[in-house]
Amino acid sequence: MGKRSSGAPTLSDVAALAGVSPATASKALNGRGEVAAATRTRVLDAAEKLAFQPNALARSLVSGNSSTIGLLTSDSGGRFSIPVLLGAENALGDNQISVLLADARGDVIRERHYVRTLLAQQVAGLIVVGESSNRRASIGRDLAVPVVYAYAESTDPQDLSLLPDDRVGARMAVEHLHSVGRRKIAHITGPVDYRATRDRVTGLTEFLQEAGLPLAGREVRYGEWSQRWGRHAAEFVLNDDPDVDAIFCGSDQVAAGVTETLAARGVRVPDDIALVGFDNWEIFSSETSPPLTTVDMNLQRLGATAAQHLFAAIGGEKITGVQHLPCRLVIRDSSGGR
């Protein structure tokens, strides 16, 4: 969980004392006309009682003098950065703030260059998006603007990092398979050095142990995030354990490959084997036959949350630590759970 840094009173403190939302408090303090006179008076009185001093950068952001934040990513394919960007833009749209995207392509030198470039553009803050949820080096404490990490964990505990809750998401997937009567559940997933892979295996293992069920398929099958790996791993699972009645895949791309092997073997989905993926990547989850039940990481919501925290930090309310945001299960035909 993240924690709020102690220090000077924040915009949220003023809002709480005045009995309004932070957005309303911000409008009142910045003279925006859509706030009722009585409400504005309450907010100004609360700010005076708390000796609240709005951050100059926050004032310029709200008033429109600084209308850009930077989004720095290493996800060159856009799989994670584009949904995060859309969520951030949606969250900030009401404040007429735009998001400037820079792709470092996983290169440290390029990333440093883009940090300097974005700061030269006078962005009000930065969102850093990872190419995976693995820990990554902090871009530093001495920047002139606040930073929030989305789909990545900074190595600095004083930073705020937002991650999907992969462990609980995996539990949801396996609980669903169990609820539709499946008892021999195998797992095919990606590289073991990915944090998301390990967290999803943890969620799976926890549920199977609580339900008193062994892992089917002999062992967790670690490999690549690819359809080819899904095809090969499905062969291994079926050869080692022909009685498997469900396969939980660590990604939709892997699951798409699994469906190809099952179809080639004449195995019916979901009648013979139920299938669940992870990511809700629609080019796979909606296009497999049958359409894939999967876990959605809610990346747009994660982006919106990152933007909201960044805006709060610009206003002086800094939160630190790691926050895990909930995933959701999207039920389609492949699990037989409709």
Protein backbone atom coordinates (compact mmCIF):
# COMPACT_ATOMS: atom_id res chain seq x y z
CA MET A 1 0.00 0.00 0.00
CA GLY A 2 1.10 3.56 -0.63
CA LYS A 3 1.39 6.04 2.19
CA ARG A 4 1.07 9.76 2.26
CA SER A 5 4.14 11.77 3.13
CA SER A 6 3.76 13.95 6.21
CA GLY A 7 4.30 17.68 5.90
CA ALA A 8 2.40 20.78 4.86
CA PRO A 9 -1.39 20.67 4.49
CA THR A 10 -2.58 19.47 1.08
CA LEU A 11 -5.46 20.24 -1.23
CA SER A 12 -7.21 17.09 0.04
CA ASP A 13 -6.93 18.39 3.63
CA VAL A 14 -8.60 21.64 2.59
CA ALA A 15 -11.33 19.74 0.71
CA ALA A 16 -12.01 17.46 3.68
CA LEU A 17 -12.33 20.39 6.09
CA ALA A 18 -14.62 22.25 3.69
CA GLY A 19 -16.71 19.14 2.99
CA VAL A 20 -16.11 19.17 -0.77
CA SER A 21 -14.16 17.13 -3.31
CA PRO A 22 -10.52 18.00 -4.11
CA ALA A 23 -11.61 19.02 -7.62
CA THR A 24 -14.15 21.50 -6.20
CA ALA A 25 -11.60 22.82 -3.73
CA SER A 26 -9.13 23.35 -6.58
CA LYS A 27 -11.72 25.27 -8.62
CA ALA A 28 -12.64 27.43 -5.63
CA LEU A 29 -9.02 28.29 -4.82
CA ASN A 30 -8.31 29.17 -8.45
CA GLY A 31 -11.36 31.42 -8.96
CA ARG A 32 -13.15 29.17 -11.45
CA GLY A 33 -16.69 30.49 -11.96
CA GLU A 34 -18.63 27.20 -11.69
CA VAL A 35 -18.30 27.08 -7.86
CA ALA A 36 -21.14 28.51 -5.76
CA ALA A 37 -20.25 31.54 -3.65
CA ALA A 38 -21.02 29.77 -0.37
CA THR A 39 -18.87 26.82 -1.34
CA ARG A 40 -16.00 29.08 -2.34
CA THR A 41 -16.21 30.83 1.03
CA ARG A 42 -16.05 27.48 2.88
CA VAL A 43 -13.01 26.41 0.89
CA LEU A 44 -11.19 29.71 1.39
CA ASP A 45 -11.94 29.62 5.13
CA ALA A 46 -10.63 26.05 5.35
CA ALA A 47 -7.46 27.00 3.46
CA GLU A 48 -6.89 29.92 5.83
CA LYS A 49 -7.41 27.77 8.94
CA LEU A 50 -4.91 25.19 7.65
CA ALA A 51 -2.43 27.81 6.39
CA PHE A 52 -2.58 26.06 3.03
CA GLN A 53 -0.19 27.39 0.39
CA PRO A 54 -0.98 26.08 -3.11
CA ASN A 55 2.01 24.89 -5.06
CA ALA A 56 2.86 27.44 -7.75
CA LEU A 57 3.20 24.72 -10.37
CA ALA A 58 -0.21 23.33 -9.44
CA ARG A 59 -1.76 26.79 -9.75
CA SER A 60 -0.30 27.24 -13.22
CA LEU A 61 -1.49 23.76 -14.22
CA VAL A 62 -5.05 24.35 -13.12
CA SER A 63 -5.18 27.84 -14.60
CA GLY A 64 -3.97 26.57 -17.96
CA ASN A 65 -0.51 28.18 -18.08
CA SER A 66 1.13 24.74 -17.94
CA SER A 67 -1.06 22.20 -19.72
CA THR A 68 1.16 19.19 -20.38
CA ILE A 69 2.45 16.18 -18.49
CA GLY A 70 4.98 13.71 -19.86
CA LEU A 71 4.51 9.97 -20.25
CA LEU A 72 7.84 8.15 -20.54
CA THR A 73 7.74 4.52 -21.66
CA SER A 74 10.00 1.68 -22.77
CA ASP A 75 7.07 -0.30 -24.18
CA SER A 76 7.83 0.30 -27.86
CA GLY A 77 4.95 -1.89 -29.02
CA GLY A 78 2.43 0.15 -27.04
CA ARG A 79 0.80 -2.91 -25.47
CA PHE A 80 0.88 -1.35 -22.00
CA SER A 81 1.69 2.31 -22.63
CA ILE A 82 -1.23 3.07 -24.97
CA PRO A 83 -4.00 1.95 -22.54
CA VAL A 84 -2.20 3.77 -19.71
CA LEU A 85 -1.97 6.88 -21.91
CA LEU A 86 -5.68 6.72 -22.78
CA GLY A 87 -6.60 6.37 -19.12
CA ALA A 88 -4.39 9.30 -18.14
CA GLU A 89 -5.82 11.51 -20.88
CA ASN A 90 -9.37 10.63 -19.84
CA ALA A 91 -8.63 11.46 -16.21
CA LEU A 92 -7.00 14.78 -17.04
CA GLY A 93 -9.33 15.83 -19.83
CA ASP A 94 -11.62 17.81 -17.56
CA ASN A 95 -8.65 19.98 -16.62
CA GLN A 96 -7.66 20.56 -20.27
CA ILE A 97 -4.28 18.91 -19.72
CA SER A 98 -2.55 17.01 -22.53
CA VAL A 99 -0.09 14.11 -22.31
CA LEU A 100 3.20 14.12 -24.24
CA LEU A 101 4.48 10.59 -25.02
CA ALA A 102 8.18 9.65 -25.28
CA ASP A 103 9.38 6.10 -26.01
CA ALA A 104 12.85 5.22 -24.67
CA ARG A 105 12.70 1.72 -26.21
CA GLY A 106 14.33 0.17 -23.16
CA ASP A 107 17.55 2.19 -23.60
CA VAL A 108 18.86 3.94 -20.48
CA ILE A 109 20.70 6.67 -22.40
CA ARG A 110 17.66 7.38 -24.55
CA GLU A 111 15.52 7.51 -21.41
CA ARG A 112 17.78 10.11 -19.80
CA HIS A 113 17.64 12.16 -22.99
CA TYR A 114 13.85 12.08 -23.01
CA VAL A 115 13.66 13.06 -19.33
CA ARG A 116 15.73 16.16 -20.15
CA THR A 117 13.65 16.84 -23.26
CA LEU A 118 10.33 16.58 -21.41
CA LEU A 119 11.57 18.83 -18.61
CA ALA A 120 12.72 21.34 -21.21
CA GLN A 121 9.16 21.31 -22.53
CA GLN A 122 8.10 22.42 -19.02
CA VAL A 123 5.89 19.45 -18.33
CA ALA A 124 4.20 19.66 -14.95
CA GLY A 125 4.95 16.03 -14.03
CA LEU A 126 5.94 12.62 -15.40
CA ILE A 127 4.31 9.19 -15.59
CA VAL A 128 6.84 6.41 -16.19
CA VAL A 129 5.39 3.26 -17.80
CA GLY A 130 7.31 -0.03 -17.72
CA GLU A 131 7.58 -2.64 -20.47
CA SER A 132 6.82 -5.15 -17.72
CA SER A 133 5.84 -4.91 -14.06
CA ASN A 134 9.42 -5.77 -13.01
CA ARG A 135 11.30 -3.39 -10.74
CA ARG A 136 13.20 -0.69 -12.56
CA ALA A 137 15.65 2.04 -11.60
CA SER A 138 14.16 5.27 -10.33
CA ILE A 139 14.72 8.26 -12.60
CA GLY A 140 15.75 10.20 -9.49
CA ARG A 141 14.53 12.26 -6.55
CA ASP A 142 16.06 15.54 -7.61
CA LEU A 143 13.75 16.29 -10.54
CA ALA A 144 11.88 19.59 -10.52
CA VAL A 145 8.53 17.84 -11.09
CA PRO A 146 6.75 14.90 -9.42
CA VAL A 147 6.89 11.41 -10.93
CA VAL A 148 4.48 8.42 -10.74
CA TYR A 149 5.37 4.92 -11.97
CA ALA A 150 2.64 2.91 -13.75
CA TYR A 151 2.99 -0.79 -14.59
CA ALA A 152 6.47 -0.66 -13.09
CA GLU A 153 7.90 -0.59 -9.58
CA SER A 154 10.59 1.97 -8.86
CA THR A 155 13.57 0.81 -6.84
CA ASP A 156 13.13 3.90 -4.65
CA PRO A 157 10.52 3.31 -1.90
CA GLN A 158 9.95 7.07 -1.77
CA ASP A 159 8.42 6.91 -5.25
CA LEU A 160 4.81 5.92 -5.94
CA SER A 161 4.46 2.78 -8.07
CA LEU A 162 1.13 1.44 -9.37
CA LEU A 163 0.82 -2.21 -10.44
CA PRO A 164 -1.99 -4.56 -11.47
CA ASP A 165 -2.71 -7.15 -8.78
CA ASP A 166 -1.53 -10.17 -10.77
CA ARG A 167 -1.68 -12.54 -7.82
CA VAL A 168 -5.34 -11.85 -7.06
CA GLY A 169 -6.14 -11.78 -10.77
CA ALA A 170 -4.77 -15.32 -11.13
CA ARG A 171 -6.80 -16.45 -8.14
CA MET A 172 -9.92 -15.09 -9.81
CA ALA A 173 -9.13 -17.10 -12.95
CA VAL A 174 -8.63 -20.38 -11.11
CA GLU A 175 -11.59 -19.82 -8.79
CA HIS A 176 -13.72 -19.39 -11.88
CA LEU A 177 -12.48 -22.66 -13.38
CA HIS A 178 -13.17 -24.39 -10.07
CA SER A 179 -16.68 -22.88 -9.94
CA VAL A 180 -17.56 -24.42 -13.32
CA GLY A 181 -16.53 -27.86 -12.09
CA ARG A 182 -12.93 -28.16 -13.24
CA ARG A 183 -10.57 -30.02 -10.92
CA LYS A 184 -7.48 -30.86 -13.03
CA ILE A 185 -6.09 -27.42 -13.83
CA ALA A 186 -2.76 -26.98 -15.64
CA HIS A 187 -0.79 -23.76 -16.04
CA ILE A 188 1.15 -22.55 -19.10
CA THR A 189 2.88 -19.21 -18.74
CA GLY A 190 5.76 -16.92 -19.71
CA PRO A 191 9.37 -16.43 -18.56
CA VAL A 192 10.06 -17.11 -14.89
CA ASP A 193 12.11 -13.91 -14.59
CA TYR A 194 8.99 -11.79 -15.11
CA ARG A 195 7.40 -10.52 -11.92
CA ALA A 196 3.93 -10.93 -13.42
CA THR A 197 4.67 -14.60 -14.19
CA ARG A 198 5.71 -15.33 -10.62
CA ASP A 199 2.81 -13.41 -9.06
CA ARG A 200 0.29 -15.26 -11.23
CA VAL A 201 1.84 -18.61 -10.29
CA THR A 202 1.58 -17.58 -6.62
CA GLY A 203 -2.13 -16.81 -6.97
CA LEU A 204 -2.76 -20.11 -8.75
CA THR A 205 -0.81 -22.12 -6.18
CA GLU A 206 -2.52 -20.45 -3.22
CA PHE A 207 -5.96 -21.31 -4.52
CA LEU A 208 -5.11 -24.90 -5.46
CA GLN A 209 -3.65 -25.52 -2.01
CA GLU A 210 -6.71 -24.07 -0.29
CA ALA A 211 -9.00 -26.18 -2.48
CA GLY A 212 -6.95 -29.31 -1.83
CA LEU A 213 -6.17 -29.78 -5.53
CA PRO A 214 -2.86 -30.76 -7.14
CA LEU A 215 -1.48 -28.87 -10.11
CA ALA A 216 -2.34 -30.83 -13.26
CA GLY A 217 0.01 -31.22 -16.22
CA ARG A 218 2.91 -32.34 -13.99
CA GLU A 219 4.44 -28.86 -13.53
CA VAL A 220 4.08 -25.18 -14.34
CA ARG A 221 5.20 -24.74 -17.95
CA TYR A 222 7.42 -21.66 -18.21
CA GLY A 223 8.38 -20.33 -21.64
CA GLU A 224 7.90 -17.35 -23.95
CA TRP A 225 5.02 -14.90 -24.28
CA SER A 226 4.17 -16.34 -27.69
CA GLN A 227 1.61 -18.43 -29.56
CA ARG A 228 4.37 -20.81 -30.60
CA TRP A 229 5.16 -21.53 -26.96
CA GLY A 230 1.46 -22.04 -26.25
CA ARG A 231 1.24 -24.62 -29.03
CA HIS A 232 4.31 -26.55 -27.84
CA ALA A 233 3.45 -26.36 -24.14
CA ALA A 234 -0.07 -27.66 -24.76
CA GLU A 235 1.47 -30.73 -26.40
CA PHE A 236 3.65 -31.29 -23.32
CA VAL A 237 0.69 -30.93 -20.95
CA LEU A 238 -1.60 -33.27 -22.88
CA ASN A 239 1.12 -35.90 -23.30
CA ASP A 240 2.00 -35.84 -19.60
CA ASP A 241 -1.56 -35.63 -18.25
CA PRO A 242 -4.33 -36.63 -20.68
CA ASP A 243 -6.98 -36.11 -17.98
CA VAL A 244 -6.45 -32.33 -17.74
CA ASP A 245 -9.85 -30.59 -17.84
CA ALA A 246 -8.72 -26.94 -17.68
CA ILE A 247 -5.70 -24.83 -18.63
CA PHE A 248 -5.00 -21.41 -17.15
CA CYS A 249 -2.60 -19.46 -19.38
CA GLY A 250 -0.38 -16.61 -18.20
CA SER A 251 -1.29 -14.51 -21.24
CA ASP A 252 -3.89 -14.40 -24.02
CA GLN A 253 -1.15 -14.78 -26.63
CA VAL A 254 -0.07 -18.06 -25.04
CA ALA A 255 -3.73 -19.14 -24.79
CA ALA A 256 -4.22 -18.48 -28.51
CA GLY A 257 -1.45 -20.96 -29.25
CA VAL A 258 -2.97 -23.49 -26.85
CA THR A 259 -6.29 -23.35 -28.72
CA GLU A 260 -4.51 -24.24 -31.96
CA THR A 261 -3.05 -27.42 -30.46
CA LEU A 262 -6.35 -28.38 -28.84
CA ALA A 263 -8.19 -27.91 -32.14
CA ALA A 264 -5.59 -29.95 -34.03
CA ARG A 265 -6.03 -32.80 -31.53
CA GLY A 266 -9.81 -32.69 -31.73
CA VAL A 267 -10.13 -31.45 -28.13
CA ARG A 268 -13.28 -29.38 -27.66
CA VAL A 269 -13.14 -26.07 -25.80
CA PRO A 270 -14.76 -25.76 -23.29
CA ASP A 271 -16.48 -29.17 -23.35
CA ASP A 272 -13.31 -31.22 -22.88
CA ILE A 273 -10.91 -28.57 -21.62
CA ALA A 274 -11.86 -25.13 -20.28
CA LEU A 275 -9.43 -22.33 -21.05
CA VAL A 276 -8.68 -19.00 -19.34
CA GLY A 277 -6.08 -16.42 -20.37
CA PHE A 278 -4.68 -13.22 -18.88
CA ASP A 279 -4.47 -9.62 -20.24
CA ASN A 280 -7.75 -9.23 -22.18
CA TRP A 281 -5.65 -8.36 -25.22
CA GLU A 282 -8.50 -8.20 -27.69
CA ILE A 283 -6.58 -9.17 -30.82
CA PHE A 284 -6.25 -12.56 -29.12
CA SER A 285 -9.05 -12.79 -26.55
CA SER A 286 -11.84 -11.83 -28.94
CA GLU A 287 -10.44 -13.56 -32.02
CA THR A 288 -9.74 -17.04 -30.64
CA SER A 289 -12.31 -19.73 -31.30
CA PRO A 290 -14.18 -19.82 -29.01
CA PRO A 291 -13.66 -16.30 -27.58
CA LEU A 292 -11.40 -16.35 -24.55
CA THR A 293 -12.30 -15.93 -20.91
CA THR A 294 -9.50 -13.81 -19.51
CA VAL A 295 -8.30 -11.49 -16.74
CA ASP A 296 -8.25 -7.79 -17.60
CA MET A 297 -5.51 -5.75 -15.88
CA ASN A 298 -7.60 -2.56 -16.16
CA LEU A 299 -4.68 -0.63 -17.66
CA GLN A 300 -6.81 2.39 -18.54
CA ARG A 301 -7.93 2.60 -14.93
CA LEU A 302 -4.31 2.25 -13.86
CA GLY A 303 -3.39 5.16 -16.16
CA ALA A 304 -6.24 7.26 -14.80
CA THR A 305 -5.16 6.53 -11.22
CA ALA A 306 -1.57 7.45 -12.07
CA ALA A 307 -2.72 10.76 -13.53
CA GLN A 308 -4.89 11.52 -10.49
CA HIS A 309 -1.99 10.82 -8.12
CA LEU A 310 0.34 12.92 -10.26
CA PHE A 311 -2.10 15.82 -10.20
CA ALA A 312 -2.37 15.48 -6.41
CA ALA A 313 1.44 15.44 -6.11
CA ILE A 314 1.64 18.61 -8.19
CA GLY A 315 -0.74 20.11 -5.62
CA GLY A 316 1.56 19.06 -2.76
CA GLU A 317 0.00 15.72 -1.78
CA LYS A 318 2.79 13.21 -2.29
CA ILE A 319 2.09 9.50 -1.79
CA THR A 320 4.86 6.91 -1.65
CA GLY A 321 5.13 3.14 -1.83
CA VAL A 322 3.55 0.46 -4.00
CA GLN A 323 -0.16 0.15 -4.76
CA HIS A 324 -1.71 -2.94 -6.38
CA LEU A 325 -4.88 -2.14 -8.32
CA PRO A 326 -7.60 -4.75 -8.90
CA CYS A 327 -8.00 -6.78 -12.07
CA ARG A 328 -11.33 -8.08 -13.37
CA LEU A 329 -12.44 -11.37 -14.88
CA VAL A 330 -14.01 -11.17 -18.35
CA ILE A 331 -16.07 -14.31 -18.96
CA ARG A 332 -16.46 -15.53 -22.53
CA ASP A 333 -17.14 -18.93 -24.12
CA SER A 334 -13.79 -20.68 -23.61
CA SER A 335 -14.40 -21.51 -19.95
CA GLY A 336 -18.02 -22.63 -20.25
CA GLY A 337 -18.94 -20.21 -17.51
CA ARG A 338 -21.67 -18.16 -19.17
